[in-house]
mmCIF file of all heavy atoms, coordinates in Angstrom:
data_MODEL
# 
_entry.id   MODEL 
# 
loop_
_atom_site.group_PDB 
_atom_site.id 
_atom_site.type_symbol 
_atom_site.label_atom_id 
_atom_site.label_alt_id 
_atom_site.label_comp_id 
_atom_site.label_asym_id 
_atom_site.label_entity_id 
_atom_site.label_seq_id 
_atom_site.pdbx_PDB_ins_code 
_atom_site.Cartn_x 
_atom_site.Cartn_y 
_atom_site.Cartn_z 
_atom_site.occupancy 
_atom_site.B_iso_or_equiv 
_atom_site.pdbx_formal_charge 
_atom_site.auth_seq_id 
_atom_site.auth_comp_id 
_atom_site.auth_asym_id 
_atom_site.auth_atom_id 
_atom_site.pdbx_PDB_model_num 
ATOM 1   N N   . LYS A 1 1  ? -28.771 35.085 37.972 1.00 0.00 ? 1  LYS A N   1 
ATOM 2   C CA  . LYS A 1 1  ? -28.473 36.310 38.660 1.00 0.00 ? 1  LYS A CA  1 
ATOM 3   C C   . LYS A 1 1  ? -29.685 36.649 39.622 1.00 0.00 ? 1  LYS A C   1 
ATOM 4   O O   . LYS A 1 1  ? -30.789 36.127 39.534 1.00 0.00 ? 1  LYS A O   1 
ATOM 5   C CB  . LYS A 1 1  ? -28.352 37.424 37.647 1.00 0.00 ? 1  LYS A CB  1 
ATOM 6   C CG  . LYS A 1 1  ? -27.058 37.302 36.748 1.00 0.00 ? 1  LYS A CG  1 
ATOM 7   C CD  . LYS A 1 1  ? -26.829 38.553 35.821 1.00 0.00 ? 1  LYS A CD  1 
ATOM 8   C CE  . LYS A 1 1  ? -25.584 38.417 35.071 1.00 0.00 ? 1  LYS A CE  1 
ATOM 9   N NZ  . LYS A 1 1  ? -24.410 38.493 35.975 1.00 0.00 ? 1  LYS A NZ  1 
ATOM 10  N N   . ASN A 1 2  ? -29.381 37.498 40.609 1.00 0.00 ? 2  ASN A N   1 
ATOM 11  C CA  . ASN A 1 2  ? -30.257 37.838 41.627 1.00 0.00 ? 2  ASN A CA  1 
ATOM 12  C C   . ASN A 1 2  ? -31.570 38.485 41.075 1.00 0.00 ? 2  ASN A C   1 
ATOM 13  O O   . ASN A 1 2  ? -32.634 38.384 41.723 1.00 0.00 ? 2  ASN A O   1 
ATOM 14  C CB  . ASN A 1 2  ? -29.729 38.789 42.658 1.00 0.00 ? 2  ASN A CB  1 
ATOM 15  C CG  . ASN A 1 2  ? -28.578 38.011 43.540 1.00 0.00 ? 2  ASN A CG  1 
ATOM 16  O OD1 . ASN A 1 2  ? -28.638 36.850 43.696 1.00 0.00 ? 2  ASN A OD1 1 
ATOM 17  N ND2 . ASN A 1 2  ? -27.641 38.828 43.926 1.00 0.00 ? 2  ASN A ND2 1 
ATOM 18  N N   . GLN A 1 3  ? -31.492 39.042 39.860 1.00 0.00 ? 3  GLN A N   1 
ATOM 19  C CA  . GLN A 1 3  ? -32.678 39.766 39.345 1.00 0.00 ? 3  GLN A CA  1 
ATOM 20  C C   . GLN A 1 3  ? -33.739 38.734 38.686 1.00 0.00 ? 3  GLN A C   1 
ATOM 21  O O   . GLN A 1 3  ? -34.766 39.204 38.313 1.00 0.00 ? 3  GLN A O   1 
ATOM 22  C CB  . GLN A 1 3  ? -32.264 40.839 38.279 1.00 0.00 ? 3  GLN A CB  1 
ATOM 23  C CG  . GLN A 1 3  ? -31.302 41.942 38.763 1.00 0.00 ? 3  GLN A CG  1 
ATOM 24  C CD  . GLN A 1 3  ? -29.892 41.475 38.992 1.00 0.00 ? 3  GLN A CD  1 
ATOM 25  O OE1 . GLN A 1 3  ? -29.516 40.385 38.550 1.00 0.00 ? 3  GLN A OE1 1 
ATOM 26  N NE2 . GLN A 1 3  ? -29.155 42.426 39.596 1.00 0.00 ? 3  GLN A NE2 1 
ATOM 27  N N   . GLN A 1 4  ? -33.311 37.523 38.507 1.00 0.00 ? 4  GLN A N   1 
ATOM 28  C CA  . GLN A 1 4  ? -34.209 36.583 37.904 1.00 0.00 ? 4  GLN A CA  1 
ATOM 29  C C   . GLN A 1 4  ? -35.448 36.304 38.834 1.00 0.00 ? 4  GLN A C   1 
ATOM 30  O O   . GLN A 1 4  ? -35.284 36.287 39.968 1.00 0.00 ? 4  GLN A O   1 
ATOM 31  C CB  . GLN A 1 4  ? -33.485 35.269 37.581 1.00 0.00 ? 4  GLN A CB  1 
ATOM 32  C CG  . GLN A 1 4  ? -32.474 35.332 36.542 1.00 0.00 ? 4  GLN A CG  1 
ATOM 33  C CD  . GLN A 1 4  ? -33.009 35.645 35.105 1.00 0.00 ? 4  GLN A CD  1 
ATOM 34  O OE1 . GLN A 1 4  ? -34.146 35.241 34.845 1.00 0.00 ? 4  GLN A OE1 1 
ATOM 35  N NE2 . GLN A 1 4  ? -32.354 36.378 34.350 1.00 0.00 ? 4  GLN A NE2 1 
ATOM 36  N N   . PRO A 1 5  ? -36.668 36.273 38.184 1.00 0.00 ? 5  PRO A N   1 
ATOM 37  C CA  . PRO A 1 5  ? -37.815 36.126 38.932 1.00 0.00 ? 5  PRO A CA  1 
ATOM 38  C C   . PRO A 1 5  ? -37.920 34.961 39.940 1.00 0.00 ? 5  PRO A C   1 
ATOM 39  O O   . PRO A 1 5  ? -38.270 35.084 41.092 1.00 0.00 ? 5  PRO A O   1 
ATOM 40  C CB  . PRO A 1 5  ? -38.964 35.931 37.919 1.00 0.00 ? 5  PRO A CB  1 
ATOM 41  C CG  . PRO A 1 5  ? -38.404 36.641 36.679 1.00 0.00 ? 5  PRO A CG  1 
ATOM 42  C CD  . PRO A 1 5  ? -36.960 36.376 36.746 1.00 0.00 ? 5  PRO A CD  1 
ATOM 43  N N   . SER A 1 6  ? -37.288 33.817 39.462 1.00 0.00 ? 6  SER A N   1 
ATOM 44  C CA  . SER A 1 6  ? -37.302 32.655 40.429 1.00 0.00 ? 6  SER A CA  1 
ATOM 45  C C   . SER A 1 6  ? -36.394 32.819 41.612 1.00 0.00 ? 6  SER A C   1 
ATOM 46  O O   . SER A 1 6  ? -36.610 32.346 42.667 1.00 0.00 ? 6  SER A O   1 
ATOM 47  C CB  . SER A 1 6  ? -36.943 31.379 39.563 1.00 0.00 ? 6  SER A CB  1 
ATOM 48  O OG  . SER A 1 6  ? -35.530 31.504 39.051 1.00 0.00 ? 6  SER A OG  1 
ATOM 49  N N   . VAL A 1 7  ? -35.320 33.573 41.391 1.00 0.00 ? 7  VAL A N   1 
ATOM 50  C CA  . VAL A 1 7  ? -34.384 33.831 42.409 1.00 0.00 ? 7  VAL A CA  1 
ATOM 51  C C   . VAL A 1 7  ? -34.943 34.831 43.442 1.00 0.00 ? 7  VAL A C   1 
ATOM 52  O O   . VAL A 1 7  ? -34.879 34.638 44.705 1.00 0.00 ? 7  VAL A O   1 
ATOM 53  C CB  . VAL A 1 7  ? -32.976 34.467 41.853 1.00 0.00 ? 7  VAL A CB  1 
ATOM 54  C CG1 . VAL A 1 7  ? -32.082 34.840 43.025 1.00 0.00 ? 7  VAL A CG1 1 
ATOM 55  C CG2 . VAL A 1 7  ? -32.286 33.433 40.906 1.00 0.00 ? 7  VAL A CG2 1 
ATOM 56  N N   . GLU A 1 8  ? -35.547 35.812 42.964 1.00 0.00 ? 8  GLU A N   1 
ATOM 57  C CA  . GLU A 1 8  ? -36.285 36.764 43.815 1.00 0.00 ? 8  GLU A CA  1 
ATOM 58  C C   . GLU A 1 8  ? -37.386 36.038 44.678 1.00 0.00 ? 8  GLU A C   1 
ATOM 59  O O   . GLU A 1 8  ? -37.510 36.291 45.918 1.00 0.00 ? 8  GLU A O   1 
ATOM 60  C CB  . GLU A 1 8  ? -36.949 37.927 42.985 1.00 0.00 ? 8  GLU A CB  1 
ATOM 61  C CG  . GLU A 1 8  ? -35.900 38.822 42.396 1.00 0.00 ? 8  GLU A CG  1 
ATOM 62  C CD  . GLU A 1 8  ? -36.561 39.971 41.597 1.00 0.00 ? 8  GLU A CD  1 
ATOM 63  O OE1 . GLU A 1 8  ? -37.753 39.788 41.236 1.00 0.00 ? 8  GLU A OE1 1 
ATOM 64  O OE2 . GLU A 1 8  ? -35.918 40.921 41.309 1.00 0.00 ? 8  GLU A OE2 1 
ATOM 65  N N   . ALA A 1 9  ? -38.077 35.091 43.965 1.00 0.00 ? 9  ALA A N   1 
ATOM 66  C CA  . ALA A 1 9  ? -39.165 34.272 44.610 1.00 0.00 ? 9  ALA A CA  1 
ATOM 67  C C   . ALA A 1 9  ? -38.613 33.500 45.750 1.00 0.00 ? 9  ALA A C   1 
ATOM 68  O O   . ALA A 1 9  ? -39.084 33.330 46.820 1.00 0.00 ? 9  ALA A O   1 
ATOM 69  C CB  . ALA A 1 9  ? -39.893 33.599 43.571 1.00 0.00 ? 9  ALA A CB  1 
ATOM 70  N N   . GLN A 1 10 ? -37.423 32.863 45.422 1.00 0.00 ? 10 GLN A N   1 
ATOM 71  C CA  . GLN A 1 10 ? -36.813 31.997 46.345 1.00 0.00 ? 10 GLN A CA  1 
ATOM 72  C C   . GLN A 1 10 ? -36.346 32.739 47.582 1.00 0.00 ? 10 GLN A C   1 
ATOM 73  O O   . GLN A 1 10 ? -36.506 32.291 48.697 1.00 0.00 ? 10 GLN A O   1 
ATOM 74  C CB  . GLN A 1 10 ? -35.600 31.179 45.734 1.00 0.00 ? 10 GLN A CB  1 
ATOM 75  C CG  . GLN A 1 10 ? -34.918 30.094 46.572 1.00 0.00 ? 10 GLN A CG  1 
ATOM 76  C CD  . GLN A 1 10 ? -36.024 29.004 47.010 1.00 0.00 ? 10 GLN A CD  1 
ATOM 77  O OE1 . GLN A 1 10 ? -36.806 28.651 46.158 1.00 0.00 ? 10 GLN A OE1 1 
ATOM 78  N NE2 . GLN A 1 10 ? -35.970 28.617 48.169 1.00 0.00 ? 10 GLN A NE2 1 
ATOM 79  N N   . LYS A 1 11 ? -35.743 33.831 47.467 1.00 0.00 ? 11 LYS A N   1 
ATOM 80  C CA  . LYS A 1 11 ? -35.301 34.754 48.486 1.00 0.00 ? 11 LYS A CA  1 
ATOM 81  C C   . LYS A 1 11 ? -36.500 35.211 49.438 1.00 0.00 ? 11 LYS A C   1 
ATOM 82  O O   . LYS A 1 11 ? -36.455 35.138 50.644 1.00 0.00 ? 11 LYS A O   1 
ATOM 83  C CB  . LYS A 1 11 ? -34.590 35.997 47.967 1.00 0.00 ? 11 LYS A CB  1 
ATOM 84  C CG  . LYS A 1 11 ? -33.216 35.630 47.494 1.00 0.00 ? 11 LYS A CG  1 
ATOM 85  C CD  . LYS A 1 11 ? -32.527 36.983 47.160 1.00 0.00 ? 11 LYS A CD  1 
ATOM 86  C CE  . LYS A 1 11 ? -31.122 36.633 46.547 1.00 0.00 ? 11 LYS A CE  1 
ATOM 87  N NZ  . LYS A 1 11 ? -30.357 37.822 46.229 1.00 0.00 ? 11 LYS A NZ  1 
ATOM 88  N N   . LEU A 1 12 ? -37.620 35.538 48.725 1.00 0.00 ? 12 LEU A N   1 
ATOM 89  C CA  . LEU A 1 12 ? -38.876 35.810 49.472 1.00 0.00 ? 12 LEU A CA  1 
ATOM 90  C C   . LEU A 1 12 ? -39.368 34.667 50.332 1.00 0.00 ? 12 LEU A C   1 
ATOM 91  O O   . LEU A 1 12 ? -39.766 34.812 51.506 1.00 0.00 ? 12 LEU A O   1 
ATOM 92  C CB  . LEU A 1 12 ? -39.890 36.367 48.614 1.00 0.00 ? 12 LEU A CB  1 
ATOM 93  C CG  . LEU A 1 12 ? -41.243 36.853 49.213 1.00 0.00 ? 12 LEU A CG  1 
ATOM 94  C CD1 . LEU A 1 12 ? -41.023 37.995 50.177 1.00 0.00 ? 12 LEU A CD1 1 
ATOM 95  C CD2 . LEU A 1 12 ? -42.202 37.213 48.089 1.00 0.00 ? 12 LEU A CD2 1 
ATOM 96  N N   . ALA A 1 13 ? -39.300 33.386 49.685 1.00 0.00 ? 13 ALA A N   1 
ATOM 97  C CA  . ALA A 1 13 ? -39.724 32.237 50.443 1.00 0.00 ? 13 ALA A CA  1 
ATOM 98  C C   . ALA A 1 13 ? -38.816 31.912 51.577 1.00 0.00 ? 13 ALA A C   1 
ATOM 99  O O   . ALA A 1 13 ? -39.424 31.531 52.614 1.00 0.00 ? 13 ALA A O   1 
ATOM 100 C CB  . ALA A 1 13 ? -39.753 31.079 49.357 1.00 0.00 ? 13 ALA A CB  1 
ATOM 101 N N   . GLU A 1 14 ? -37.573 32.219 51.482 1.00 0.00 ? 14 GLU A N   1 
ATOM 102 C CA  . GLU A 1 14 ? -36.637 31.864 52.592 1.00 0.00 ? 14 GLU A CA  1 
ATOM 103 C C   . GLU A 1 14 ? -36.909 32.878 53.719 1.00 0.00 ? 14 GLU A C   1 
ATOM 104 O O   . GLU A 1 14 ? -36.801 32.500 54.941 1.00 0.00 ? 14 GLU A O   1 
ATOM 105 C CB  . GLU A 1 14 ? -35.213 31.971 52.083 1.00 0.00 ? 14 GLU A CB  1 
ATOM 106 C CG  . GLU A 1 14 ? -34.770 30.839 51.174 1.00 0.00 ? 14 GLU A CG  1 
ATOM 107 C CD  . GLU A 1 14 ? -33.481 31.058 50.552 1.00 0.00 ? 14 GLU A CD  1 
ATOM 108 O OE1 . GLU A 1 14 ? -32.756 32.057 50.962 1.00 0.00 ? 14 GLU A OE1 1 
ATOM 109 O OE2 . GLU A 1 14 ? -33.039 30.172 49.794 1.00 0.00 ? 14 GLU A OE2 1 
ATOM 110 N N   . LYS A 1 15 ? -37.266 34.061 53.389 1.00 0.00 ? 15 LYS A N   1 
ATOM 111 C CA  . LYS A 1 15 ? -37.574 35.122 54.378 1.00 0.00 ? 15 LYS A CA  1 
ATOM 112 C C   . LYS A 1 15 ? -38.874 34.980 55.088 1.00 0.00 ? 15 LYS A C   1 
ATOM 113 O O   . LYS A 1 15 ? -39.004 35.020 56.336 1.00 0.00 ? 15 LYS A O   1 
ATOM 114 C CB  . LYS A 1 15 ? -37.524 36.507 53.746 1.00 0.00 ? 15 LYS A CB  1 
ATOM 115 C CG  . LYS A 1 15 ? -37.754 37.666 54.716 1.00 0.00 ? 15 LYS A CG  1 
ATOM 116 C CD  . LYS A 1 15 ? -37.678 39.024 53.919 1.00 0.00 ? 15 LYS A CD  1 
ATOM 117 C CE  . LYS A 1 15 ? -38.057 40.119 54.944 1.00 0.00 ? 15 LYS A CE  1 
ATOM 118 N NZ  . LYS A 1 15 ? -38.064 41.349 54.195 1.00 0.00 ? 15 LYS A NZ  1 
ATOM 119 N N   . GLU A 1 16 ? -39.918 34.714 54.244 1.00 0.00 ? 16 GLU A N   1 
ATOM 120 C CA  . GLU A 1 16 ? -41.279 34.608 54.867 1.00 0.00 ? 16 GLU A CA  1 
ATOM 121 C C   . GLU A 1 16 ? -41.776 33.224 55.215 1.00 0.00 ? 16 GLU A C   1 
ATOM 122 O O   . GLU A 1 16 ? -42.714 33.096 56.027 1.00 0.00 ? 16 GLU A O   1 
ATOM 123 C CB  . GLU A 1 16 ? -42.225 35.227 53.786 1.00 0.00 ? 16 GLU A CB  1 
ATOM 124 C CG  . GLU A 1 16 ? -42.005 36.717 53.612 1.00 0.00 ? 16 GLU A CG  1 
ATOM 125 C CD  . GLU A 1 16 ? -42.314 37.594 54.816 1.00 0.00 ? 16 GLU A CD  1 
ATOM 126 O OE1 . GLU A 1 16 ? -43.097 37.100 55.655 1.00 0.00 ? 16 GLU A OE1 1 
ATOM 127 O OE2 . GLU A 1 16 ? -41.790 38.784 54.868 1.00 0.00 ? 16 GLU A OE2 1 
ATOM 128 N N   . PHE A 1 17 ? -41.165 32.231 54.607 1.00 0.00 ? 17 PHE A N   1 
ATOM 129 C CA  . PHE A 1 17 ? -41.618 30.853 54.838 1.00 0.00 ? 17 PHE A CA  1 
ATOM 130 C C   . PHE A 1 17 ? -40.477 29.957 55.172 1.00 0.00 ? 17 PHE A C   1 
ATOM 131 O O   . PHE A 1 17 ? -40.164 29.049 54.518 1.00 0.00 ? 17 PHE A O   1 
ATOM 132 C CB  . PHE A 1 17 ? -42.411 30.381 53.698 1.00 0.00 ? 17 PHE A CB  1 
ATOM 133 C CG  . PHE A 1 17 ? -43.537 31.323 53.219 1.00 0.00 ? 17 PHE A CG  1 
ATOM 134 C CD1 . PHE A 1 17 ? -43.270 32.178 52.145 1.00 0.00 ? 17 PHE A CD1 1 
ATOM 135 C CD2 . PHE A 1 17 ? -44.769 31.305 53.867 1.00 0.00 ? 17 PHE A CD2 1 
ATOM 136 C CE1 . PHE A 1 17 ? -44.264 33.034 51.695 1.00 0.00 ? 17 PHE A CE1 1 
ATOM 137 C CE2 . PHE A 1 17 ? -45.761 32.144 53.380 1.00 0.00 ? 17 PHE A CE2 1 
ATOM 138 C CZ  . PHE A 1 17 ? -45.513 33.071 52.366 1.00 0.00 ? 17 PHE A CZ  1 
ATOM 139 N N   . PRO A 1 18 ? -39.772 30.292 56.259 1.00 0.00 ? 18 PRO A N   1 
ATOM 140 C CA  . PRO A 1 18 ? -38.517 29.631 56.636 1.00 0.00 ? 18 PRO A CA  1 
ATOM 141 C C   . PRO A 1 18 ? -38.541 28.148 56.850 1.00 0.00 ? 18 PRO A C   1 
ATOM 142 O O   . PRO A 1 18 ? -37.593 27.447 56.736 1.00 0.00 ? 18 PRO A O   1 
ATOM 143 C CB  . PRO A 1 18 ? -37.968 30.382 57.772 1.00 0.00 ? 18 PRO A CB  1 
ATOM 144 C CG  . PRO A 1 18 ? -39.222 30.973 58.437 1.00 0.00 ? 18 PRO A CG  1 
ATOM 145 C CD  . PRO A 1 18 ? -40.131 31.288 57.379 1.00 0.00 ? 18 PRO A CD  1 
ATOM 146 N N   . SER A 1 19 ? -39.726 27.643 57.205 1.00 0.00 ? 19 SER A N   1 
ATOM 147 C CA  . SER A 1 19 ? -39.863 26.227 57.533 1.00 0.00 ? 19 SER A CA  1 
ATOM 148 C C   . SER A 1 19 ? -39.534 25.333 56.317 1.00 0.00 ? 19 SER A C   1 
ATOM 149 O O   . SER A 1 19 ? -39.179 24.117 56.467 1.00 0.00 ? 19 SER A O   1 
ATOM 150 C CB  . SER A 1 19 ? -41.253 25.918 58.174 1.00 0.00 ? 19 SER A CB  1 
ATOM 151 O OG  . SER A 1 19 ? -42.246 26.128 57.108 1.00 0.00 ? 19 SER A OG  1 
ATOM 152 N N   . GLY A 1 20 ? -39.770 25.895 55.133 1.00 0.00 ? 20 GLY A N   1 
ATOM 153 C CA  . GLY A 1 20 ? -39.487 25.047 54.040 1.00 0.00 ? 20 GLY A CA  1 
ATOM 154 C C   . GLY A 1 20 ? -38.303 25.461 53.247 1.00 0.00 ? 20 GLY A C   1 
ATOM 155 O O   . GLY A 1 20 ? -38.183 25.250 52.004 1.00 0.00 ? 20 GLY A O   1 
ATOM 156 N N   . THR A 1 21 ? -37.364 26.159 53.793 1.00 0.00 ? 21 THR A N   1 
ATOM 157 C CA  . THR A 1 21 ? -36.216 26.723 53.104 1.00 0.00 ? 21 THR A CA  1 
ATOM 158 C C   . THR A 1 21 ? -35.001 25.852 53.036 1.00 0.00 ? 21 THR A C   1 
ATOM 159 O O   . THR A 1 21 ? -33.983 26.171 52.460 1.00 0.00 ? 21 THR A O   1 
ATOM 160 C CB  . THR A 1 21 ? -35.807 28.076 53.741 1.00 0.00 ? 21 THR A CB  1 
ATOM 161 O OG1 . THR A 1 21 ? -35.477 27.968 55.094 1.00 0.00 ? 21 THR A OG1 1 
ATOM 162 C CG2 . THR A 1 21 ? -36.901 29.075 53.583 1.00 0.00 ? 21 THR A CG2 1 
ATOM 163 N N   . GLY A 1 22 ? -35.013 24.716 53.751 1.00 0.00 ? 22 GLY A N   1 
ATOM 164 C CA  . GLY A 1 22 ? -33.929 23.805 53.667 1.00 0.00 ? 22 GLY A CA  1 
ATOM 165 C C   . GLY A 1 22 ? -33.906 23.019 52.315 1.00 0.00 ? 22 GLY A C   1 
ATOM 166 O O   . GLY A 1 22 ? -34.908 23.101 51.557 1.00 0.00 ? 22 GLY A O   1 
ATOM 167 N N   . LYS A 1 23 ? -32.889 22.287 52.103 1.00 0.00 ? 23 LYS A N   1 
ATOM 168 C CA  . LYS A 1 23 ? -32.819 21.500 50.810 1.00 0.00 ? 23 LYS A CA  1 
ATOM 169 C C   . LYS A 1 23 ? -33.352 20.166 51.070 1.00 0.00 ? 23 LYS A C   1 
ATOM 170 O O   . LYS A 1 23 ? -32.886 19.363 51.981 1.00 0.00 ? 23 LYS A O   1 
ATOM 171 C CB  . LYS A 1 23 ? -31.332 21.401 50.305 1.00 0.00 ? 23 LYS A CB  1 
ATOM 172 C CG  . LYS A 1 23 ? -30.762 22.661 49.851 1.00 0.00 ? 23 LYS A CG  1 
ATOM 173 C CD  . LYS A 1 23 ? -29.442 22.485 49.044 1.00 0.00 ? 23 LYS A CD  1 
ATOM 174 C CE  . LYS A 1 23 ? -28.278 22.076 49.986 1.00 0.00 ? 23 LYS A CE  1 
ATOM 175 N NZ  . LYS A 1 23 ? -26.958 22.058 49.313 1.00 0.00 ? 23 LYS A NZ  1 
ATOM 176 N N   . PRO A 1 24 ? -34.466 19.761 50.344 1.00 0.00 ? 24 PRO A N   1 
ATOM 177 C CA  . PRO A 1 24 ? -35.143 18.428 50.653 1.00 0.00 ? 24 PRO A CA  1 
ATOM 178 C C   . PRO A 1 24 ? -34.468 17.349 50.066 1.00 0.00 ? 24 PRO A C   1 
ATOM 179 O O   . PRO A 1 24 ? -34.004 17.321 48.827 1.00 0.00 ? 24 PRO A O   1 
ATOM 180 C CB  . PRO A 1 24 ? -36.501 18.728 50.027 1.00 0.00 ? 24 PRO A CB  1 
ATOM 181 C CG  . PRO A 1 24 ? -36.403 19.646 48.966 1.00 0.00 ? 24 PRO A CG  1 
ATOM 182 C CD  . PRO A 1 24 ? -35.201 20.519 49.323 1.00 0.00 ? 24 PRO A CD  1 
ATOM 183 N N   . ALA A 1 25 ? -34.397 16.265 50.792 1.00 0.00 ? 25 ALA A N   1 
ATOM 184 C CA  . ALA A 1 25 ? -34.064 14.941 50.274 1.00 0.00 ? 25 ALA A CA  1 
ATOM 185 C C   . ALA A 1 25 ? -35.246 14.101 50.367 1.00 0.00 ? 25 ALA A C   1 
ATOM 186 O O   . ALA A 1 25 ? -35.856 14.067 51.428 1.00 0.00 ? 25 ALA A O   1 
ATOM 187 C CB  . ALA A 1 25 ? -32.885 14.393 51.000 1.00 0.00 ? 25 ALA A CB  1 
ATOM 188 N N   . LEU A 1 26 ? -35.714 13.470 49.288 1.00 0.00 ? 26 LEU A N   1 
ATOM 189 C CA  . LEU A 1 26 ? -36.878 12.595 49.353 1.00 0.00 ? 26 LEU A CA  1 
ATOM 190 C C   . LEU A 1 26 ? -36.518 11.184 49.399 1.00 0.00 ? 26 LEU A C   1 
ATOM 191 O O   . LEU A 1 26 ? -36.019 10.490 48.387 1.00 0.00 ? 26 LEU A O   1 
ATOM 192 C CB  . LEU A 1 26 ? -37.757 12.895 48.177 1.00 0.00 ? 26 LEU A CB  1 
ATOM 193 C CG  . LEU A 1 26 ? -38.323 14.294 48.025 1.00 0.00 ? 26 LEU A CG  1 
ATOM 194 C CD1 . LEU A 1 26 ? -39.118 14.455 46.741 1.00 0.00 ? 26 LEU A CD1 1 
ATOM 195 C CD2 . LEU A 1 26 ? -39.051 14.788 49.253 1.00 0.00 ? 26 LEU A CD2 1 
ATOM 196 N N   . LEU A 1 27 ? -36.671 10.519 50.536 1.00 0.00 ? 27 LEU A N   1 
ATOM 197 C CA  . LEU A 1 27 ? -36.344 9.045  50.708 1.00 0.00 ? 27 LEU A CA  1 
ATOM 198 C C   . LEU A 1 27 ? -37.548 8.255  50.199 1.00 0.00 ? 27 LEU A C   1 
ATOM 199 O O   . LEU A 1 27 ? -38.626 8.377  50.899 1.00 0.00 ? 27 LEU A O   1 
ATOM 200 C CB  . LEU A 1 27 ? -35.957 8.705  52.139 1.00 0.00 ? 27 LEU A CB  1 
ATOM 201 C CG  . LEU A 1 27 ? -34.516 8.949  52.502 1.00 0.00 ? 27 LEU A CG  1 
ATOM 202 C CD1 . LEU A 1 27 ? -34.176 10.392 52.541 1.00 0.00 ? 27 LEU A CD1 1 
ATOM 203 C CD2 . LEU A 1 27 ? -34.248 8.307  53.865 1.00 0.00 ? 27 LEU A CD2 1 
ATOM 204 N N   . THR A 1 28 ? -37.429 7.578  49.050 1.00 0.00 ? 28 THR A N   1 
ATOM 205 C CA  . THR A 1 28 ? -38.461 6.936  48.437 1.00 0.00 ? 28 THR A CA  1 
ATOM 206 C C   . THR A 1 28 ? -38.341 5.442  48.694 1.00 0.00 ? 28 THR A C   1 
ATOM 207 O O   . THR A 1 28 ? -37.521 4.751  48.274 1.00 0.00 ? 28 THR A O   1 
ATOM 208 C CB  . THR A 1 28 ? -38.459 7.200  46.886 1.00 0.00 ? 28 THR A CB  1 
ATOM 209 O OG1 . THR A 1 28 ? -38.418 8.601  46.637 1.00 0.00 ? 28 THR A OG1 1 
ATOM 210 C CG2 . THR A 1 28 ? -39.651 6.633  46.201 1.00 0.00 ? 28 THR A CG2 1 
ATOM 211 N N   . TRP A 1 29 ? -39.320 5.012  49.673 1.00 0.00 ? 29 TRP A N   1 
ATOM 212 C CA  . TRP A 1 29 ? -39.257 3.608  50.097 1.00 0.00 ? 29 TRP A CA  1 
ATOM 213 C C   . TRP A 1 29 ? -40.230 2.824  49.100 1.00 0.00 ? 29 TRP A C   1 
ATOM 214 O O   . TRP A 1 29 ? -41.330 3.262  48.721 1.00 0.00 ? 29 TRP A O   1 
ATOM 215 C CB  . TRP A 1 29 ? -39.869 3.443  51.487 1.00 0.00 ? 29 TRP A CB  1 
ATOM 216 C CG  . TRP A 1 29 ? -39.017 4.199  52.488 1.00 0.00 ? 29 TRP A CG  1 
ATOM 217 C CD1 . TRP A 1 29 ? -39.122 5.443  52.865 1.00 0.00 ? 29 TRP A CD1 1 
ATOM 218 C CD2 . TRP A 1 29 ? -37.980 3.666  53.336 1.00 0.00 ? 29 TRP A CD2 1 
ATOM 219 N NE1 . TRP A 1 29 ? -38.197 5.815  53.777 1.00 0.00 ? 29 TRP A NE1 1 
ATOM 220 C CE2 . TRP A 1 29 ? -37.522 4.711  54.114 1.00 0.00 ? 29 TRP A CE2 1 
ATOM 221 C CE3 . TRP A 1 29 ? -37.385 2.488  53.380 1.00 0.00 ? 29 TRP A CE3 1 
ATOM 222 C CZ2 . TRP A 1 29 ? -36.308 4.531  54.915 1.00 0.00 ? 29 TRP A CZ2 1 
ATOM 223 C CZ3 . TRP A 1 29 ? -36.290 2.259  54.184 1.00 0.00 ? 29 TRP A CZ3 1 
ATOM 224 C CH2 . TRP A 1 29 ? -35.906 3.215  54.985 1.00 0.00 ? 29 TRP A CH2 1 
# 
């Protein structure tokens, strides 16, 4: 739910630190 601390933190991260808000894929060579 939106009230969970990790969800609130993620929303803040998306708002204030947008460069890292995409979903990462790690290509491991």
